C-alpha atoms as a PDB file:
ATOM      1  CA  UNK A   1     205.762 -82.091 299.982  1.00  0.00           C
ATOM      2  CA  UNK A   2     203.914 -83.878 297.887  1.00  0.00           C
ATOM      3  CA  UNK A   3     204.949 -87.782 296.673  1.00  0.00           C
ATOM      4  CA  UNK A   4     202.915 -89.367 293.411  1.00  0.00           C
ATOM      5  CA  UNK A   5     203.735 -93.272 292.878  1.00  0.00           C
ATOM      6  CA  UNK A   6     202.192 -94.660 290.143  1.00  0.00           C
ATOM      7  CA  UNK A   7     201.038 -97.890 291.388  1.00  0.00           C
ATOM      8  CA  UNK A   8     202.982-100.496 289.274  1.00  0.00           C
ATOM      9  CA  UNK A   9     205.282-103.623 289.892  1.00  0.00           C
ATOM     10  CA  UNK A  10     208.239-100.859 292.079  1.00  0.00           C
ATOM     11  CA  UNK A  11     205.898 -99.890 293.989  1.00  0.00           C
ATOM     12  CA  UNK A  12     205.351-103.336 295.501  1.00  0.00           C
ATOM     13  CA  UNK A  13     208.738-103.950 295.701  1.00  0.00           C
ATOM     14  CA  UNK A  14     209.137-101.092 297.685  1.00  0.00           C
ATOM     15  CA  UNK A  15     205.991-102.275 299.384  1.00  0.00           C
ATOM     16  CA  UNK A  16     206.862-106.067 299.531  1.00  0.00           C
ATOM     17  CA  UNK A  17     203.512-106.418 302.681  1.00  0.00           C
ATOM     18  CA  UNK A  18     201.568-104.290 300.266  1.00  0.00           C
ATOM     19  CA  UNK A  19     200.983-107.595 298.236  1.00  0.00           C
ATOM     20  CA  UNK A  20     198.857-108.871 300.493  1.00  0.00           C
ATOM     21  CA  UNK A  21     196.308-106.582 300.621  1.00  0.00           C
ATOM     22  CA  UNK A  22     194.839-107.737 297.390  1.00  0.00           C
ATOM     23  CA  UNK A  23     191.569-106.422 296.935  1.00  0.00           C
ATOM     24  CA  UNK A  24     191.407-104.332 300.136  1.00  0.00           C
ATOM     25  CA  UNK A  25     192.276-100.613 299.634  1.00  0.00           C
ATOM     26  CA  UNK A  26     191.501 -99.595 302.679  1.00  0.00           C
ATOM     27  CA  UNK A  27     193.976-101.307 304.688  1.00  0.00           C
ATOM     28  CA  UNK A  28     195.884-100.565 301.880  1.00  0.00           C
ATOM     29  CA  UNK A  29     195.782 -96.925 302.166  1.00  0.00           C
ATOM     30  CA  UNK A  30     196.733 -97.362 305.796  1.00  0.00           C
ATOM     31  CA  UNK A  31     199.682 -99.261 305.138  1.00  0.00           C
ATOM     32  CA  UNK A  32     200.720 -96.859 302.445  1.00  0.00           C
ATOM     33  CA  UNK A  33     200.021 -94.091 305.119  1.00  0.00           C
ATOM     34  CA  UNK A  34     202.302 -95.390 308.162  1.00  0.00           C
ATOM     35  CA  UNK A  35     205.365 -95.996 305.006  1.00  0.00           C
ATOM     36  CA  UNK A  36     205.180 -92.326 304.570  1.00  0.00           C
ATOM     37  CA  UNK A  37     204.845 -91.293 308.400  1.00  0.00           C
ATOM     38  CA  UNK A  38     207.632 -88.708 309.320  1.00  0.00           C
ATOM     39  CA  UNK A  39     208.157 -89.731 312.626  1.00  0.00           C
ATOM     40  CA  UNK A  40     204.531 -88.193 314.402  1.00  0.00           C
ATOM     41  CA  UNK A  41     203.389 -86.391 311.077  1.00  0.00           C
ATOM     42  CA  UNK A  42     201.268 -88.443 309.090  1.00  0.00           C
ATOM     43  CA  UNK A  43     200.087 -87.509 305.421  1.00  0.00           C
ATOM     44  CA  UNK A  44     197.013 -87.804 303.791  1.00  0.00           C
ATOM     45  CA  UNK A  45     197.059 -90.676 300.980  1.00  0.00           C
ATOM     46  CA  UNK A  46     194.963 -91.133 298.186  1.00  0.00           C
ATOM     47  CA  UNK A  47     195.130 -93.147 295.382  1.00  0.00           C
ATOM     48  CA  UNK A  48     193.706 -91.387 291.901  1.00  0.00           C
ATOM     49  CA  UNK A  49     193.353 -93.847 289.706  1.00  0.00           C
ATOM     50  CA  UNK A  50     197.033 -95.550 288.900  1.00  0.00           C
ATOM     51  CA  UNK A  51     198.414 -93.105 290.997  1.00  0.00           C
ATOM     52  CA  UNK A  52     199.378 -93.168 294.719  1.00  0.00           C
ATOM     53  CA  UNK A  53     199.549 -89.231 295.924  1.00  0.00           C
ATOM     54  CA  UNK A  54     201.113 -89.141 300.071  1.00  0.00           C
ATOM     55  CA  UNK A  55     200.682 -85.320 301.385  1.00  0.00           C
ATOM     56  CA  UNK A  56     203.150 -84.507 303.834  1.00  0.00           C
ATOM     57  CA  UNK A  57     202.527 -80.765 305.271  1.00  0.00           C
ATOM     58  CA  UNK A  58     206.361 -79.938 305.427  1.00  0.00           C
ATOM     59  CA  UNK A  59     205.313 -76.270 306.543  1.00  0.00           C
ATOM     60  CA  UNK A  60     203.292 -77.154 309.612  1.00  0.00           C
ATOM     61  CA  UNK A  61     205.880 -79.597 310.572  1.00  0.00           C
ATOM     62  CA  UNK A  62     208.535 -76.710 310.172  1.00  0.00           C
ATOM     63  CA  UNK A  63     207.056 -74.218 312.017  1.00  0.00           C
ATOM     64  CA  UNK A  64     206.476 -76.937 315.170  1.00  0.00           C
ATOM     65  CA  UNK A  65     209.838 -77.304 315.083  1.00  0.00           C
ATOM     66  CA  UNK A  66     210.943 -74.151 315.095  1.00  0.00           C
ATOM     67  CA  UNK A  67     208.157 -73.239 318.340  1.00  0.00           C
ATOM     68  CA  UNK A  68     209.000 -76.471 319.798  1.00  0.00           C
ATOM     69  CA  UNK A  69     212.683 -74.943 320.073  1.00  0.00           C
ATOM     70  CA  UNK A  70     211.666 -71.392 321.020  1.00  0.00           C
ATOM     71  CA  UNK A  71     209.724 -73.503 324.147  1.00  0.00           C
ATOM     72  CA  UNK A  72     213.052 -75.447 324.992  1.00  0.00           C
ATOM     73  CA  UNK A  73     214.737 -72.152 325.297  1.00  0.00           C
ATOM     74  CA  UNK A  74     211.911 -70.821 327.508  1.00  0.00           C
ATOM     75  CA  UNK A  75     211.827 -73.811 329.372  1.00  0.00           C
ATOM     76  CA  UNK A  76     215.789 -73.877 330.183  1.00  0.00           C
ATOM     77  CA  UNK A  77     215.742 -70.432 330.829  1.00  0.00           C
ATOM     78  CA  UNK A  78     213.481 -71.040 333.206  1.00  0.00           C
ATOM     79  CA  UNK A  79     210.470 -69.492 331.635  1.00  0.00           C
ATOM     80  CA  UNK A  80     208.094 -71.838 332.699  1.00  0.00           C
ATOM     81  CA  UNK A  81     204.878 -69.613 332.554  1.00  0.00           C
ATOM     82  CA  UNK A  82     205.646 -68.043 329.051  1.00  0.00           C
ATOM     83  CA  UNK A  83     205.976 -72.027 327.569  1.00  0.00           C
ATOM     84  CA  UNK A  84     203.062 -73.277 328.830  1.00  0.00           C
ATOM     85  CA  UNK A  85     200.017 -71.133 326.073  1.00  0.00           C
ATOM     86  CA  UNK A  86     203.476 -72.263 323.294  1.00  0.00           C
ATOM     87  CA  UNK A  87     202.971 -75.977 324.076  1.00  0.00           C
ATOM     88  CA  UNK A  88     199.285 -75.488 324.104  1.00  0.00           C
ATOM     89  CA  UNK A  89     199.513 -74.701 321.406  1.00  0.00           C
ATOM     90  CA  UNK A  90     201.351 -77.058 320.160  1.00  0.00           C
ATOM     91  CA  UNK A  91     199.663 -80.081 321.763  1.00  0.00           C
ATOM     92  CA  UNK A  92     196.049 -78.889 320.347  1.00  0.00           C
ATOM     93  CA  UNK A  93     198.297 -78.682 316.942  1.00  0.00           C
ATOM     94  CA  UNK A  94     199.815 -82.230 317.016  1.00  0.00           C
ATOM     95  CA  UNK A  95     198.591 -83.913 320.152  1.00  0.00           C
ATOM     96  CA  UNK A  96     200.951 -87.327 318.922  1.00  0.00           C
ATOM     97  CA  UNK A  97     203.996 -85.465 319.838  1.00  0.00           C
ATOM     98  CA  UNK A  98     205.260 -86.926 322.829  1.00  0.00           C
ATOM     99  CA  UNK A  99     208.022 -84.808 323.520  1.00  0.00           C
ATOM    100  CA  UNK A 100     205.098 -81.862 323.937  1.00  0.00           C
ATOM    101  CA  UNK A 101     203.495 -83.925 326.910  1.00  0.00           C
ATOM    102  CA  UNK A 102     207.014 -84.257 328.211  1.00  0.00           C
ATOM    103  CA  UNK A 103     208.122 -80.919 328.425  1.00  0.00           C
ATOM    104  CA  UNK A 104     204.393 -80.018 329.588  1.00  0.00           C
ATOM    105  CA  UNK A 105     204.477 -82.012 332.447  1.00  0.00           C
ATOM    106  CA  UNK A 106     208.122 -80.655 333.432  1.00  0.00           C
ATOM    107  CA  UNK A 107     206.900 -77.491 333.366  1.00  0.00           C
ATOM    108  CA  UNK A 108     204.122 -77.565 335.370  1.00  0.00           C
ATOM    109  CA  UNK A 109     205.967 -79.537 337.770  1.00  0.00           C
ATOM    110  CA  UNK A 110     209.066 -77.083 337.841  1.00  0.00           C
ATOM    111  CA  UNK A 111     206.008 -74.573 338.173  1.00  0.00           C
ATOM    112  CA  UNK A 112     204.522 -76.372 341.331  1.00  0.00           C
ATOM    113  CA  UNK A 113     207.805 -76.956 342.814  1.00  0.00           C
ATOM    114  CA  UNK A 114     208.701 -73.242 342.712  1.00  0.00           C
ATOM    115  CA  UNK A 115     204.663 -72.538 344.066  1.00  0.00           C
ATOM    116  CA  UNK A 116     205.508 -75.104 347.070  1.00  0.00           C
ATOM    117  CA  UNK A 117     208.463 -73.477 347.695  1.00  0.00           C
ATOM    118  CA  UNK A 118     207.250 -69.899 347.676  1.00  0.00           C
ATOM    119  CA  UNK A 119     204.231 -71.207 349.789  1.00  0.00           C
ATOM    120  CA  UNK A 120     206.504 -72.137 352.225  1.00  0.00           C
ATOM    121  CA  UNK A 121     208.383 -69.097 352.492  1.00  0.00           C
ATOM    122  CA  UNK A 122     205.070 -67.384 353.988  1.00  0.00           C
ATOM    123  CA  UNK A 123     204.166 -69.289 356.130  1.00  0.00           C
ATOM    124  CA  UNK A 124     207.386 -69.170 358.044  1.00  0.00           C
END
């Protein structure tokens, strides 16, 4: 998805803090990036002439969300070994999503617990 917005008074009225950046275009770009961020997904924001362009990769977001749902289904079914490589791939694609890390930790914990239980049974 691409959002184009002219640099005009209307934009500054939407982003009341934006006028404070004045002659600091890098800070203004950072502010716009924060403004157009969707959850953990940060857009690429550029200023081309008198137009702000914010690009957000919605296809990647949808693909990651679909893959994450598969991971959750595998985890709920106790198939943690199958979920691990998928989680690692998701984390590689977007390491800022805390839910991926949380589910990875849970899966590793469950696998460790299963390993400990199996080890205990073999020691008997």
